[in-house]
Amino acid sequence: MSKKTKQPVKQHYVPKFILKGFAKNPRAKRKMVFVYDKHSDIIFTANIRDVGCENKYYDFKIEDFKVTAEFGLARIENELAPIVSNIVSRQRIDDLTFEERGAISFFIAMQMTRSPTTREHCAWISQMFFDIAEELTGVRELEGEQEPSEEEIKANACMLIPECEEFAKLIFLKKWFLLTPPAGAVFHLSDTPVVLANDNDSPLRASLGLACKGIQIYMPLSKNIVLAMYCPTLTDKLENEAKELLAKMTLLSSFPRAGKVQAESVLAALSGESPLLCEDDHVTFINSLQTEWSRRYLYSSTNDFSLPKRMIEDHPEYKEGMKWKVHGFEKKS
């Protein structure tokens, strides 16, 4: 008889193979990371086995049947781990196969749907309908409906995970490139690793949807590598500007060499041959997104969490992360 696989109690929403890239000592047998708890404002170290997870996070019931998404997710992670490891070590994505790019797209979409932030939003959406009913009728009920229990909210959130193919298609079609920090700087990770930004942000329309013009998607893969996925309108502009600059430099000898190096670096990054070296401000921007989007925890290879501490001091709403509104995400107020 085959031995039954033991179901883990600690179930990760941030995979260990990603957390490993943020270990303070990557060569140590026990992979430890620095953790910043936004809610309690404390910093501590922990084994990657004990962070980015919750007990029985993917276990739920459908009627009288016990169900878990843990084993299916583990299979996906096991297939993806060597692909991500290869990207981090070789620092290039130009040789990704169609299948590998598809697998990464699905993983990032899956990562978006299984985060604690998304689960919290599932609960919020359910609560919102009953809040509206109570406000309009004075009675907190909807005809034929009951407020979902915590178990039902967990089940609904878990069943969202396999339905992320449409997200994956949108991610696949973005322009991908890698980013790396300057010497002495590192990228942070959070309990909500996939973060979005858009310079076309408007209070009158949603701007953080995956299909929105100008959308920027960031997924840290290690302390030294972030996978950026941009709306092609942004990267087309960057590519054209770099090519125009190089064309001018062939005609005019007075251009500084630094400009040529930067233009060539942009083109190499957009082709996937090498990562683009970030300036300090861009590292701060990407790390600030991790702070804004995280529900509670930030992870790093160093104990320098001065940025999130400063952000929360200036904007206390960042302590709670992002919240849902009818047409997208907004910062908590």
C-alpha atoms as a PDB file:
ATOM      1  CA  MET A   1       0.000   0.000   0.000  1.00  0.00           C
ATOM      2  CA  SER A   2       1.220   3.506  -0.782  1.00  0.00           C
ATOM      3  CA  LYS A   3       1.831   5.741   2.177  1.00  0.00           C
ATOM      4  CA  LYS A   4      -0.656   8.587   2.486  1.00  0.00           C
ATOM      5  CA  THR A   5       0.935  12.011   2.082  1.00  0.00           C
ATOM      6  CA  LYS A   6       0.718  13.986   5.289  1.00  0.00           C
ATOM      7  CA  GLN A   7      -1.127  17.254   4.891  1.00  0.00           C
ATOM      8  CA  PRO A   8       0.888  20.206   6.235  1.00  0.00           C
ATOM      9  CA  VAL A   9      -0.735  22.376   8.857  1.00  0.00           C
ATOM     10  CA  LYS A  10       1.283  25.473   7.947  1.00  0.00           C
ATOM     11  CA  GLN A  11       0.215  26.454   4.453  1.00  0.00           C
ATOM     12  CA  HIS A  12       2.034  29.228   2.607  1.00  0.00           C
ATOM     13  CA  TYR A  13       0.431  32.058   0.656  1.00  0.00           C
ATOM     14  CA  VAL A  14       3.962  33.330  -0.095  1.00  0.00           C
ATOM     15  CA  PRO A  15       5.917  30.321  -1.394  1.00  0.00           C
ATOM     16  CA  LYS A  16       9.068  29.270   0.406  1.00  0.00           C
ATOM     17  CA  PHE A  17      11.028  29.276  -2.852  1.00  0.00           C
ATOM     18  CA  ILE A  18      10.287  33.032  -3.139  1.00  0.00           C
ATOM     19  CA  LEU A  19      10.971  33.759   0.546  1.00  0.00           C
ATOM     20  CA  LYS A  20      14.317  31.968   0.205  1.00  0.00           C
ATOM     21  CA  GLY A  21      15.484  34.758  -2.100  1.00  0.00           C
ATOM     22  CA  PHE A  22      15.146  37.211   0.791  1.00  0.00           C
ATOM     23  CA  ALA A  23      17.072  35.193   3.382  1.00  0.00           C
ATOM     24  CA  LYS A  24      19.612  37.179   5.372  1.00  0.00           C
ATOM     25  CA  ASN A  25      22.163  34.394   4.794  1.00  0.00           C
ATOM     26  CA  PRO A  26      21.275  32.503   1.570  1.00  0.00           C
ATOM     27  CA  ARG A  27      23.954  29.857   2.234  1.00  0.00           C
ATOM     28  CA  ALA A  28      22.735  28.968   5.715  1.00  0.00           C
ATOM     29  CA  LYS A  29      20.875  25.683   6.110  1.00  0.00           C
ATOM     30  CA  ARG A  30      18.107  27.393   8.060  1.00  0.00           C
ATOM     31  CA  LYS A  31      16.812  30.188   5.854  1.00  0.00           C
ATOM     32  CA  MET A  32      15.954  33.174   8.052  1.00  0.00           C
ATOM     33  CA  VAL A  33      14.402  36.494   7.074  1.00  0.00           C
ATOM     34  CA  PHE A  34      13.835  39.765   8.869  1.00  0.00           C
ATOM     35  CA  VAL A  35      10.128  40.476   9.347  1.00  0.00           C
ATOM     36  CA  TYR A  36       8.417  43.787  10.011  1.00  0.00           C
ATOM     37  CA  ASP A  37       4.946  43.607  11.546  1.00  0.00           C
ATOM     38  CA  LYS A  38       3.138  46.798  10.517  1.00  0.00           C
ATOM     39  CA  HIS A  39       0.381  46.322  13.082  1.00  0.00           C
ATOM     40  CA  SER A  40       2.614  45.991  16.143  1.00  0.00           C
ATOM     41  CA  ASP A  41       5.571  47.993  14.766  1.00  0.00           C
ATOM     42  CA  ILE A  42       8.120  45.324  15.680  1.00  0.00           C
ATOM     43  CA  ILE A  43      10.988  43.699  13.769  1.00  0.00           C
ATOM     44  CA  PHE A  44      11.987  40.076  14.311  1.00  0.00           C
ATOM     45  CA  THR A  45      13.741  37.210  12.533  1.00  0.00           C
ATOM     46  CA  ALA A  46      11.978  34.023  11.525  1.00  0.00           C
ATOM     47  CA  ASN A  47      12.512  30.874   9.522  1.00  0.00           C
ATOM     48  CA  ILE A  48      10.906  30.997   6.077  1.00  0.00           C
ATOM     49  CA  ARG A  49       8.911  27.921   7.107  1.00  0.00           C
ATOM     50  CA  ASP A  50       7.095  30.071   9.661  1.00  0.00           C
ATOM     51  CA  VAL A  51       6.258  33.228   7.686  1.00  0.00           C
ATOM     52  CA  GLY A  52       4.024  33.938   4.723  1.00  0.00           C
ATOM     53  CA  CYS A  53       1.693  31.221   5.969  1.00  0.00           C
ATOM     54  CA  GLU A  54      -1.273  30.441   8.190  1.00  0.00           C
ATOM     55  CA  ASN A  55      -2.455  27.209   9.745  1.00  0.00           C
ATOM     56  CA  LYS A  56      -4.886  25.361   7.447  1.00  0.00           C
ATOM     57  CA  TYR A  57      -5.075  28.391   5.141  1.00  0.00           C
ATOM     58  CA  TYR A  58      -6.388  26.315   2.209  1.00  0.00           C
ATOM     59  CA  ASP A  59      -8.496  23.798   4.168  1.00  0.00           C
ATOM     60  CA  PHE A  60     -12.261  24.249   4.025  1.00  0.00           C
ATOM     61  CA  LYS A  61     -15.526  22.355   3.944  1.00  0.00           C
ATOM     62  CA  ILE A  62     -18.124  21.950   1.219  1.00  0.00           C
ATOM     63  CA  GLU A  63     -21.189  20.679   3.023  1.00  0.00           C
ATOM     64  CA  ASP A  64     -19.803  17.721   5.011  1.00  0.00           C
ATOM     65  CA  PHE A  65     -16.713  17.167   2.853  1.00  0.00           C
ATOM     66  CA  LYS A  66     -13.261  18.357   3.897  1.00  0.00           C
ATOM     67  CA  VAL A  67     -11.367  19.900   0.975  1.00  0.00           C
ATOM     68  CA  THR A  68      -7.902  21.419   0.589  1.00  0.00           C
ATOM     69  CA  ALA A  69      -6.204  23.390  -2.180  1.00  0.00           C
ATOM     70  CA  GLU A  70      -2.781  22.831  -0.582  1.00  0.00           C
ATOM     71  CA  PHE A  71      -1.627  19.856  -2.670  1.00  0.00           C
ATOM     72  CA  GLY A  72      -2.655  21.381  -5.998  1.00  0.00           C
ATOM     73  CA  LEU A  73      -0.880  24.638  -5.187  1.00  0.00           C
ATOM     74  CA  ALA A  74       2.202  22.743  -4.019  1.00  0.00           C
ATOM     75  CA  ARG A  75       2.415  20.963  -7.386  1.00  0.00           C
ATOM     76  CA  ILE A  76       2.269  24.292  -9.234  1.00  0.00           C
ATOM     77  CA  GLU A  77       4.962  25.754  -6.974  1.00  0.00           C
ATOM     78  CA  ASN A  78       7.229  22.722  -7.412  1.00  0.00           C
ATOM     79  CA  GLU A  79       7.045  23.089 -11.191  1.00  0.00           C
ATOM     80  CA  LEU A  80       7.700  26.821 -11.068  1.00  0.00           C
ATOM     81  CA  ALA A  81      10.496  26.922  -8.468  1.00  0.00           C
ATOM     82  CA  PRO A  82      13.314  25.858 -10.851  1.00  0.00           C
ATOM     83  CA  ILE A  83      12.141  28.355 -13.496  1.00  0.00           C
ATOM     84  CA  VAL A  84      12.270  31.233 -11.007  1.00  0.00           C
ATOM     85  CA  SER A  85      15.595  30.018  -9.608  1.00  0.00           C
ATOM     86  CA  ASN A  86      17.003  30.062 -13.135  1.00  0.00           C
ATOM     87  CA  ILE A  87      15.788  33.628 -13.718  1.00  0.00           C
ATOM     88  CA  VAL A  88      17.300  34.841 -10.451  1.00  0.00           C
ATOM     89  CA  SER A  89      20.672  33.149 -10.993  1.00  0.00           C
ATOM     90  CA  ARG A  90      21.055  33.981 -14.712  1.00  0.00           C
ATOM     91  CA  GLN A  91      19.297  37.368 -14.499  1.00  0.00           C
ATOM     92  CA  ARG A  92      17.694  37.118 -17.906  1.00  0.00           C
ATOM     93  CA  ILE A  93      14.293  36.162 -19.364  1.00  0.00           C
ATOM     94  CA  ASP A  94      14.913  36.313 -23.120  1.00  0.00           C
ATOM     95  CA  ASP A  95      15.224  32.532 -23.283  1.00  0.00           C
ATOM     96  CA  LEU A  96      11.950  31.697 -21.510  1.00  0.00           C
ATOM     97  CA  THR A  97       9.880  29.226 -23.497  1.00  0.00           C
ATOM     98  CA  PHE A  98       6.242  29.910 -24.335  1.00  0.00           C
ATOM     99  CA  GLU A  99       5.251  27.294 -21.738  1.00  0.00           C
ATOM    100  CA  GLU A 100       7.497  28.795 -19.048  1.00  0.00           C
ATOM    101  CA  ARG A 101       6.121  32.277 -19.629  1.00  0.00           C
ATOM    102  CA  GLY A 102       2.616  30.856 -19.428  1.00  0.00           C
ATOM    103  CA  ALA A 103       3.424  29.047 -16.167  1.00  0.00           C
ATOM    104  CA  ILE A 104       4.842  32.233 -14.622  1.00  0.00           C
ATOM    105  CA  SER A 105       1.796  34.230 -15.776  1.00  0.00           C
ATOM    106  CA  PHE A 106      -0.545  31.741 -14.125  1.00  0.00           C
ATOM    107  CA  PHE A 107       1.545  31.714 -10.947  1.00  0.00           C
ATOM    108  CA  ILE A 108       1.466  35.512 -10.653  1.00  0.00           C
ATOM    109  CA  ALA A 109      -2.289  35.540 -11.255  1.00  0.00           C
ATOM    110  CA  MET A 110      -2.657  32.791  -8.659  1.00  0.00           C
ATOM    111  CA  GLN A 111      -0.508  34.778  -6.245  1.00  0.00           C
ATOM    112  CA  MET A 112      -2.854  37.732  -6.620  1.00  0.00           C
ATOM    113  CA  THR A 113      -5.966  35.675  -5.885  1.00  0.00           C
ATOM    114  CA  ARG A 114      -4.650  33.760  -2.866  1.00  0.00           C
ATOM    115  CA  SER A 115      -3.183  36.594  -0.817  1.00  0.00           C
ATOM    116  CA  PRO A 116      -4.626  37.499   2.605  1.00  0.00           C
ATOM    117  CA  THR A 117      -5.557  40.870   1.128  1.00  0.00           C
ATOM    118  CA  THR A 118      -7.758  39.196  -1.493  1.00  0.00           C
ATOM    119  CA  ARG A 119      -9.372  36.957   1.113  1.00  0.00           C
ATOM    120  CA  GLU A 120     -10.090  40.010   3.238  1.00  0.00           C
ATOM    121  CA  HIS A 121     -11.711  41.651   0.230  1.00  0.00           C
ATOM    122  CA  CYS A 122     -13.937  38.605  -0.321  1.00  0.00           C
ATOM    123  CA  ALA A 123     -15.230  39.075   3.212  1.00  0.00           C
ATOM    124  CA  TRP A 124     -15.584  42.821   2.681  1.00  0.00           C
ATOM    125  CA  ILE A 125     -17.650  42.408  -0.481  1.00  0.00           C
ATOM    126  CA  SER A 126     -20.059  40.049   1.289  1.00  0.00           C
ATOM    127  CA  GLN A 127     -20.311  42.417   4.232  1.00  0.00           C
ATOM    128  CA  MET A 128     -20.897  45.391   1.926  1.00  0.00           C
ATOM    129  CA  PHE A 129     -24.144  43.958   0.505  1.00  0.00           C
ATOM    130  CA  PHE A 130     -25.559  43.349   3.964  1.00  0.00           C
ATOM    131  CA  ASP A 131     -24.430  46.822   5.100  1.00  0.00           C
ATOM    132  CA  ILE A 132     -26.340  48.328   2.165  1.00  0.00           C
ATOM    133  CA  ALA A 133     -29.422  46.256   2.981  1.00  0.00           C
ATOM    134  CA  GLU A 134     -29.306  47.387   6.607  1.00  0.00           C
ATOM    135  CA  GLU A 135     -28.859  51.019   5.598  1.00  0.00           C
ATOM    136  CA  LEU A 136     -31.789  50.922   3.164  1.00  0.00           C
ATOM    137  CA  THR A 137     -34.238  48.756   5.095  1.00  0.00           C
ATOM    138  CA  GLY A 138     -33.060  48.844   8.685  1.00  0.00           C
ATOM    139  CA  VAL A 139     -32.778  45.053   8.600  1.00  0.00           C
ATOM    140  CA  ARG A 140     -29.457  43.272   8.058  1.00  0.00           C
ATOM    141  CA  GLU A 141     -30.722  40.603   5.696  1.00  0.00           C
ATOM    142  CA  LEU A 142     -31.215  39.863   2.006  1.00  0.00           C
ATOM    143  CA  GLU A 143     -34.070  37.743   0.707  1.00  0.00           C
ATOM    144  CA  GLY A 144     -32.954  34.137   0.545  1.00  0.00           C
ATOM    145  CA  GLU A 145     -29.423  35.022   1.629  1.00  0.00           C
ATOM    146  CA  GLN A 146     -27.460  34.736   4.857  1.00  0.00           C
ATOM    147  CA  GLU A 147     -24.203  36.390   5.783  1.00  0.00           C
ATOM    148  CA  PRO A 148     -21.406  33.914   4.961  1.00  0.00           C
ATOM    149  CA  SER A 149     -19.528  32.308   7.817  1.00  0.00           C
ATOM    150  CA  GLU A 150     -15.722  32.472   8.053  1.00  0.00           C
ATOM    151  CA  GLU A 151     -15.616  28.931   6.673  1.00  0.00           C
ATOM    152  CA  GLU A 152     -17.725  29.928   3.663  1.00  0.00           C
ATOM    153  CA  ILE A 153     -15.570  32.997   3.026  1.00  0.00           C
ATOM    154  CA  LYS A 154     -12.460  30.805   3.098  1.00  0.00           C
ATOM    155  CA  ALA A 155     -14.084  28.326   0.699  1.00  0.00           C
ATOM    156  CA  ASN A 156     -15.129  31.096  -1.704  1.00  0.00           C
ATOM    157  CA  ALA A 157     -11.633  32.597  -1.645  1.00  0.00           C
ATOM    158  CA  CYS A 158      -9.977  29.222  -2.265  1.00  0.00           C
ATOM    159  CA  MET A 159     -12.295  28.484  -5.170  1.00  0.00           C
ATOM    160  CA  LEU A 160     -11.248  31.781  -6.791  1.00  0.00           C
ATOM    161  CA  ILE A 161      -7.689  30.501  -7.221  1.00  0.00           C
ATOM    162  CA  PRO A 162      -8.297  28.111 -10.151  1.00  0.00           C
ATOM    163  CA  GLU A 163     -10.394  30.794 -11.882  1.00  0.00           C
ATOM    164  CA  CYS A 164      -7.478  33.135 -12.549  1.00  0.00           C
ATOM    165  CA  GLU A 165      -6.812  32.157 -16.170  1.00  0.00           C
ATOM    166  CA  GLU A 166      -8.160  35.465 -17.503  1.00  0.00           C
ATOM    167  CA  PHE A 167      -5.741  37.326 -15.220  1.00  0.00           C
ATOM    168  CA  ALA A 168      -2.927  35.097 -16.479  1.00  0.00           C
ATOM    169  CA  LYS A 169      -3.725  35.949 -20.109  1.00  0.00           C
ATOM    170  CA  LEU A 170      -3.506  39.680 -19.382  1.00  0.00           C
ATOM    171  CA  ILE A 171      -0.204  39.241 -17.520  1.00  0.00           C
ATOM    172  CA  PHE A 172       1.224  37.111 -20.341  1.00  0.00           C
ATOM    173  CA  LEU A 173       0.612  39.930 -22.850  1.00  0.00           C
ATOM    174  CA  LYS A 174       2.473  42.575 -20.836  1.00  0.00           C
ATOM    175  CA  LYS A 175       6.049  43.592 -21.657  1.00  0.00           C
ATOM    176  CA  TRP A 176       8.330  41.811 -19.179  1.00  0.00           C
ATOM    177  CA  PHE A 177      11.739  42.895 -17.965  1.00  0.00           C
ATOM    178  CA  LEU A 178      13.915  42.530 -14.887  1.00  0.00           C
ATOM    179  CA  LEU A 179      15.034  45.173 -12.402  1.00  0.00           C
ATOM    180  CA  THR A 180      18.020  45.066 -10.053  1.00  0.00           C
ATOM    181  CA  PRO A 181      18.981  47.491  -7.258  1.00  0.00           C
ATOM    182  CA  PRO A 182      22.232  49.475  -6.980  1.00  0.00           C
ATOM    183  CA  ALA A 183      24.968  48.274  -4.644  1.00  0.00           C
ATOM    184  CA  GLY A 184      23.906  48.422  -1.004  1.00  0.00           C
ATOM    185  CA  ALA A 185      20.172  48.417  -1.731  1.00  0.00           C
ATOM    186  CA  VAL A 186      17.730  45.498  -1.629  1.00  0.00           C
ATOM    187  CA  PHE A 187      14.150  44.868  -2.613  1.00  0.00           C
ATOM    188  CA  HIS A 188      11.535  44.044   0.022  1.00  0.00           C
ATOM    189  CA  LEU A 189       8.848  41.364  -0.128  1.00  0.00           C
ATOM    190  CA  SER A 190       5.466  41.354   1.588  1.00  0.00           C
ATOM    191  CA  ASP A 191       2.512  39.108   2.341  1.00  0.00           C
ATOM    192  CA  THR A 192       0.983  40.548  -0.854  1.00  0.00           C
ATOM    193  CA  PRO A 193       3.933  40.232  -3.265  1.00  0.00           C
ATOM    194  CA  VAL A 194       2.239  41.187  -6.544  1.00  0.00           C
ATOM    195  CA  VAL A 195       1.730  44.947  -6.525  1.00  0.00           C
ATOM    196  CA  LEU A 196       0.278  47.346  -9.077  1.00  0.00           C
ATOM    197  CA  ALA A 197       0.832  50.991  -9.962  1.00  0.00           C
ATOM    198  CA  ASN A 198      -0.306  53.398 -12.653  1.00  0.00           C
ATOM    199  CA  ASP A 199       0.917  56.913 -13.341  1.00  0.00           C
ATOM    200  CA  ASN A 200      -2.456  57.590 -15.017  1.00  0.00           C
ATOM    201  CA  ASP A 201      -4.248  57.269 -11.666  1.00  0.00           C
ATOM    202  CA  SER A 202      -7.554  59.147 -11.590  1.00  0.00           C
ATOM    203  CA  PRO A 203     -10.240  59.532  -8.907  1.00  0.00           C
ATOM    204  CA  LEU A 204     -12.859  59.334 -11.681  1.00  0.00           C
ATOM    205  CA  ARG A 205     -11.970  55.913 -13.073  1.00  0.00           C
ATOM    206  CA  ALA A 206     -10.292  52.659 -12.170  1.00  0.00           C
ATOM    207  CA  SER A 207      -6.615  52.590 -13.083  1.00  0.00           C
ATOM    208  CA  LEU A 208      -5.234  49.527 -11.308  1.00  0.00           C
ATOM    209  CA  GLY A 209      -6.926  46.841 -13.376  1.00  0.00           C
ATOM    210  CA  LEU A 210      -4.666  44.466 -15.278  1.00  0.00           C
ATOM    211  CA  ALA A 211      -6.150  45.667 -18.577  1.00  0.00           C
ATOM    212  CA  CYS A 212      -5.828  49.382 -17.774  1.00  0.00           C
ATOM    213  CA  LYS A 213      -3.638  51.527 -20.001  1.00  0.00           C
ATOM    214  CA  GLY A 214      -0.370  52.367 -18.261  1.00  0.00           C
ATOM    215  CA  ILE A 215      -0.558  49.551 -15.693  1.00  0.00           C
ATOM    216  CA  GLN A 216       2.682  48.495 -14.002  1.00  0.00           C
ATOM    217  CA  ILE A 217       2.931  45.108 -12.259  1.00  0.00           C
ATOM    218  CA  TYR A 218       5.837  44.169  -9.975  1.00  0.00           C
ATOM    219  CA  MET A 219       6.694  40.789  -8.448  1.00  0.00           C
ATOM    220  CA  PRO A 220       9.907  40.548  -6.371  1.00  0.00           C
ATOM    221  CA  LEU A 221      11.701  37.256  -7.058  1.00  0.00           C
ATOM    222  CA  SER A 222      14.648  37.875  -4.736  1.00  0.00           C
ATOM    223  CA  LYS A 223      16.319  40.705  -2.851  1.00  0.00           C
ATOM    224  CA  ASN A 224      18.186  41.538  -6.082  1.00  0.00           C
ATOM    225  CA  ILE A 225      15.609  40.815  -8.805  1.00  0.00           C
ATOM    226  CA  VAL A 226      12.109  42.132  -9.482  1.00  0.00           C
ATOM    227  CA  LEU A 227      10.048  40.978 -12.439  1.00  0.00           C
ATOM    228  CA  ALA A 228       8.323  44.025 -13.937  1.00  0.00           C
ATOM    229  CA  MET A 229       5.381  43.618 -16.306  1.00  0.00           C
ATOM    230  CA  TYR A 230       4.319  46.832 -18.014  1.00  0.00           C
ATOM    231  CA  CYS A 231       1.561  47.929 -20.331  1.00  0.00           C
ATOM    232  CA  PRO A 232       3.270  47.909 -23.767  1.00  0.00           C
ATOM    233  CA  THR A 233       2.432  51.605 -24.254  1.00  0.00           C
ATOM    234  CA  LEU A 234       4.971  52.383 -21.521  1.00  0.00           C
ATOM    235  CA  THR A 235       7.771  50.150 -22.774  1.00  0.00           C
ATOM    236  CA  ASP A 236       7.247  51.199 -26.400  1.00  0.00           C
ATOM    237  CA  LYS A 237       7.892  54.769 -25.311  1.00  0.00           C
ATOM    238  CA  LEU A 238      11.019  53.796 -23.363  1.00  0.00           C
ATOM    239  CA  GLU A 239      12.323  51.749 -26.288  1.00  0.00           C
ATOM    240  CA  ASN A 240      11.720  54.520 -28.833  1.00  0.00           C
ATOM    241  CA  GLU A 241      13.401  57.120 -26.630  1.00  0.00           C
ATOM    242  CA  ALA A 242      16.463  54.881 -26.165  1.00  0.00           C
ATOM    243  CA  LYS A 243      16.729  54.188 -29.901  1.00  0.00           C
ATOM    244  CA  GLU A 244      16.359  57.888 -30.758  1.00  0.00           C
ATOM    245  CA  LEU A 245      19.103  58.783 -28.287  1.00  0.00           C
ATOM    246  CA  LEU A 246      21.482  56.200 -29.762  1.00  0.00           C
ATOM    247  CA  ALA A 247      20.707  57.445 -33.271  1.00  0.00           C
ATOM    248  CA  LYS A 248      21.570  61.019 -32.256  1.00  0.00           C
ATOM    249  CA  MET A 249      24.788  59.892 -30.614  1.00  0.00           C
ATOM    250  CA  THR A 250      26.021  58.319 -33.828  1.00  0.00           C
ATOM    251  CA  LEU A 251      25.743  61.737 -35.457  1.00  0.00           C
ATOM    252  CA  LEU A 252      26.940  63.946 -32.596  1.00  0.00           C
ATOM    253  CA  SER A 253      30.133  63.183 -30.694  1.00  0.00           C
ATOM    254  CA  SER A 254      29.359  65.641 -27.890  1.00  0.00           C
ATOM    255  CA  PHE A 255      26.872  63.351 -26.113  1.00  0.00           C
ATOM    256  CA  PRO A 256      28.230  61.994 -22.793  1.00  0.00           C
ATOM    257  CA  ARG A 257      29.067  58.275 -22.840  1.00  0.00           C
ATOM    258  CA  ALA A 258      26.851  57.718 -19.780  1.00  0.00           C
ATOM    259  CA  GLY A 259      23.807  58.462 -21.911  1.00  0.00           C
ATOM    260  CA  LYS A 260      24.822  55.807 -24.443  1.00  0.00           C
ATOM    261  CA  VAL A 261      25.364  53.228 -21.694  1.00  0.00           C
ATOM    262  CA  GLN A 262      21.948  53.981 -20.172  1.00  0.00           C
ATOM    263  CA  ALA A 263      20.163  53.738 -23.525  1.00  0.00           C
ATOM    264  CA  GLU A 264      21.869  50.434 -24.295  1.00  0.00           C
ATOM    265  CA  SER A 265      20.965  49.154 -20.828  1.00  0.00           C
ATOM    266  CA  VAL A 266      17.295  50.001 -21.379  1.00  0.00           C
ATOM    267  CA  LEU A 267      17.235  48.162 -24.708  1.00  0.00           C
ATOM    268  CA  ALA A 268      19.029  45.139 -23.233  1.00  0.00           C
ATOM    269  CA  ALA A 269      16.541  45.005 -20.344  1.00  0.00           C
ATOM    270  CA  LEU A 270      13.501  45.306 -22.616  1.00  0.00           C
ATOM    271  CA  SER A 271      14.838  42.468 -24.741  1.00  0.00           C
ATOM    272  CA  GLY A 272      15.221  40.358 -21.587  1.00  0.00           C
ATOM    273  CA  GLU A 273      18.994  39.961 -21.948  1.00  0.00           C
ATOM    274  CA  SER A 274      19.867  41.579 -18.613  1.00  0.00           C
ATOM    275  CA  PRO A 275      18.207  43.433 -15.719  1.00  0.00           C
ATOM    276  CA  LEU A 276      17.871  47.192 -15.714  1.00  0.00           C
ATOM    277  CA  LEU A 277      19.830  48.822 -12.909  1.00  0.00           C
ATOM    278  CA  CYS A 278      17.404  50.872 -10.804  1.00  0.00           C
ATOM    279  CA  GLU A 279      18.201  54.225  -9.343  1.00  0.00           C
ATOM    280  CA  ASP A 280      17.703  54.578  -5.586  1.00  0.00           C
ATOM    281  CA  ASP A 281      14.404  56.406  -6.089  1.00  0.00           C
ATOM    282  CA  HIS A 282      12.965  53.537  -8.102  1.00  0.00           C
ATOM    283  CA  VAL A 283      13.981  50.985  -5.451  1.00  0.00           C
ATOM    284  CA  THR A 284      12.224  53.187  -2.891  1.00  0.00           C
ATOM    285  CA  PHE A 285       9.154  53.324  -5.126  1.00  0.00           C
ATOM    286  CA  ILE A 286       8.952  49.534  -5.545  1.00  0.00           C
ATOM    287  CA  ASN A 287       9.519  48.913  -1.830  1.00  0.00           C
ATOM    288  CA  SER A 288       6.910  51.530  -0.970  1.00  0.00           C
ATOM    289  CA  LEU A 289       4.374  49.593  -3.062  1.00  0.00           C
ATOM    290  CA  GLN A 290       5.110  46.485  -1.012  1.00  0.00           C
ATOM    291  CA  THR A 291       4.397  48.538   2.115  1.00  0.00           C
ATOM    292  CA  GLU A 292       1.152  49.987   0.737  1.00  0.00           C
ATOM    293  CA  TRP A 293      -0.238  46.685  -0.508  1.00  0.00           C
ATOM    294  CA  SER A 294       0.855  44.430   2.335  1.00  0.00           C
ATOM    295  CA  ARG A 295      -1.848  43.367   4.743  1.00  0.00           C
ATOM    296  CA  ARG A 296       0.512  43.117   7.699  1.00  0.00           C
ATOM    297  CA  TYR A 297       4.006  41.693   7.114  1.00  0.00           C
ATOM    298  CA  LEU A 298       7.109  42.770   5.199  1.00  0.00           C
ATOM    299  CA  TYR A 299      10.151  40.531   4.662  1.00  0.00           C
ATOM    300  CA  SER A 300      13.749  41.503   3.945  1.00  0.00           C
ATOM    301  CA  SER A 301      17.316  40.255   3.978  1.00  0.00           C
ATOM    302  CA  THR A 302      18.235  43.235   6.189  1.00  0.00           C
ATOM    303  CA  ASN A 303      16.661  44.731   9.286  1.00  0.00           C
ATOM    304  CA  ASP A 304      16.339  48.178   7.701  1.00  0.00           C
ATOM    305  CA  PHE A 305      12.621  48.890   7.610  1.00  0.00           C
ATOM    306  CA  SER A 306      13.019  52.645   7.944  1.00  0.00           C
ATOM    307  CA  LEU A 307      11.003  53.228   4.749  1.00  0.00           C
ATOM    308  CA  PRO A 308       7.776  51.469   5.853  1.00  0.00           C
ATOM    309  CA  LYS A 309       8.124  52.933   9.336  1.00  0.00           C
ATOM    310  CA  ARG A 310       8.413  56.433   7.877  1.00  0.00           C
ATOM    311  CA  MET A 311       5.526  55.829   5.479  1.00  0.00           C
ATOM    312  CA  ILE A 312       3.227  54.668   8.264  1.00  0.00           C
ATOM    313  CA  GLU A 313       4.246  57.567  10.481  1.00  0.00           C
ATOM    314  CA  ASP A 314       3.327  60.005   7.687  1.00  0.00           C
ATOM    315  CA  HIS A 315       0.275  58.042   6.492  1.00  0.00           C
ATOM    316  CA  PRO A 316      -1.186  55.800   9.221  1.00  0.00           C
ATOM    317  CA  GLU A 317      -3.590  54.245   6.698  1.00  0.00           C
ATOM    318  CA  TYR A 318      -0.657  52.278   5.235  1.00  0.00           C
ATOM    319  CA  LYS A 319      -0.648  50.166   8.385  1.00  0.00           C
ATOM    320  CA  GLU A 320      -3.770  48.415   7.039  1.00  0.00           C
ATOM    321  CA  GLY A 321      -2.726  48.117   3.393  1.00  0.00           C
ATOM    322  CA  MET A 322      -5.106  48.373   0.449  1.00  0.00           C
ATOM    323  CA  LYS A 323      -8.869  48.048   0.542  1.00  0.00           C
ATOM    324  CA  TRP A 324     -11.413  47.260  -2.112  1.00  0.00           C
ATOM    325  CA  LYS A 325     -13.813  49.631  -3.759  1.00  0.00           C
ATOM    326  CA  VAL A 326     -16.409  48.859  -6.383  1.00  0.00           C
ATOM    327  CA  HIS A 327     -14.154  49.478  -9.410  1.00  0.00           C
ATOM    328  CA  GLY A 328     -10.702  48.631  -8.055  1.00  0.00           C
ATOM    329  CA  PHE A 329      -8.235  49.132  -5.243  1.00  0.00           C
ATOM    330  CA  GLU A 330      -7.782  52.243  -3.192  1.00  0.00           C
ATOM    331  CA  LYS A 331      -5.662  53.177  -0.209  1.00  0.00           C
ATOM    332  CA  LYS A 332      -7.377  52.824   3.130  1.00  0.00           C
ATOM    333  CA  SER A 333      -8.625  56.096   4.549  1.00  0.00           C
END
